[in-house]
Amino acid sequence: MYYVYVLLSKKDNKRYIGYTKNLKLRFELHQKGQVESTKDRRPLKLIYYEACLNQQDATHREKYLKTYHGSMFIGQRLKSYLTG
């Protein structure tokens, strides 16, 4: 399985979207500051993830979620969570 995930930075309140084969390990690396793109945006919270059967599906889903329409999807999906 591959996972597409969304992190929320508690520092700047912005989202980070990525994919991985090992979600637990990848999240730990983000939390420890070992991922270049998020090390200055910690602390981070895992707010959403999806499981995909293969890497190609995960990369396509990641790319979609990074688009305007994908961002709107995440916003609608997590509407009550993100607005409190």
Protein backbone atom coordinates (compact mmCIF):
# COMPACT_ATOMS: atom_id res chain seq x y z
CA MET A 1 0.00 0.00 0.00
CA TYR A 2 0.97 3.60 -0.59
CA TYR A 3 -0.46 6.52 1.34
CA VAL A 4 -1.25 10.07 0.29
CA TYR A 5 -1.30 12.30 3.33
CA VAL A 6 -1.97 15.87 4.38
CA LEU A 7 -0.15 17.56 7.23
CA LEU A 8 -1.19 20.81 8.84
CA SER A 9 1.51 23.10 10.15
CA LYS A 10 0.60 24.55 13.53
CA LYS A 11 3.20 27.24 12.89
CA ASP A 12 1.82 28.77 9.67
CA ASN A 13 -1.55 26.93 9.44
CA LYS A 14 -0.72 25.72 5.91
CA ARG A 15 -1.00 22.22 4.51
CA TYR A 16 1.69 19.91 3.18
CA ILE A 17 0.71 17.05 0.86
CA GLY A 18 2.89 14.04 0.17
CA TYR A 19 2.87 10.30 -0.41
CA THR A 20 4.78 7.40 1.08
CA LYS A 21 4.86 3.64 1.46
CA ASN A 22 5.33 3.84 5.24
CA LEU A 23 3.06 6.51 6.71
CA LYS A 24 4.11 6.06 10.33
CA LEU A 25 7.83 6.36 9.55
CA ARG A 26 7.33 9.29 7.19
CA PHE A 27 5.30 11.20 9.78
CA GLU A 28 8.00 10.58 12.39
CA LEU A 29 10.63 11.98 9.99
CA HIS A 30 8.49 15.10 9.48
CA GLN A 31 8.09 15.49 13.25
CA LYS A 32 11.84 15.18 13.85
CA GLY A 33 12.65 17.82 11.23
CA GLN A 34 14.34 15.35 8.89
CA VAL A 35 12.23 16.34 5.87
CA GLU A 36 13.63 19.46 4.23
CA SER A 37 10.31 20.85 3.02
CA THR A 38 8.66 20.82 6.46
CA LYS A 39 11.49 21.14 8.96
CA ASP A 40 10.87 24.87 9.50
CA ARG A 41 7.10 24.42 9.67
CA ARG A 42 6.92 22.22 12.76
CA PRO A 43 4.94 21.23 14.75
CA LEU A 44 2.85 19.30 12.27
CA LYS A 45 -0.37 17.37 12.61
CA LEU A 46 -1.52 14.54 10.35
CA ILE A 47 -5.04 15.60 9.36
CA TYR A 48 -5.88 13.30 6.44
CA TYR A 49 -4.65 10.28 4.53
CA GLU A 50 -5.81 7.88 1.81
CA ALA A 51 -4.52 4.42 0.97
CA CYS A 52 -3.69 3.52 -2.64
CA LEU A 53 -2.93 0.10 -4.07
CA ASN A 54 0.17 1.19 -6.00
CA GLN A 55 2.66 4.03 -6.33
CA GLN A 56 1.25 5.33 -9.60
CA ASP A 57 -2.21 5.82 -8.08
CA ALA A 58 -0.67 7.55 -5.07
CA THR A 59 1.38 9.98 -7.18
CA HIS A 60 -1.64 10.83 -9.32
CA ARG A 61 -3.75 11.44 -6.22
CA GLU A 62 -1.00 13.56 -4.64
CA LYS A 63 -0.78 15.71 -7.77
CA TYR A 64 -4.55 16.15 -7.81
CA LEU A 65 -4.71 17.16 -4.14
CA LYS A 66 -2.07 19.82 -4.83
CA THR A 67 -4.30 21.47 -7.47
CA TYR A 68 -6.94 24.10 -6.80
CA HIS A 69 -9.74 21.53 -7.09
CA GLY A 70 -7.86 19.09 -4.87
CA SER A 71 -7.41 21.79 -2.25
CA MET A 72 -11.14 22.49 -2.39
CA PHE A 73 -11.82 18.74 -1.96
CA ILE A 74 -9.64 18.60 1.16
CA GLY A 75 -11.29 21.76 2.49
CA GLN A 76 -14.77 20.29 2.02
CA ARG A 77 -13.75 16.89 3.36
CA LEU A 78 -12.31 18.43 6.53
CA LYS A 79 -14.66 21.40 6.77
CA SER A 80 -15.76 20.88 10.36
CA TYR A 81 -12.23 19.95 11.49
CA LEU A 82 -10.55 22.96 9.89
CA THR A 83 -13.12 25.51 11.04
CA GLY A 84 -13.29 24.22 14.59
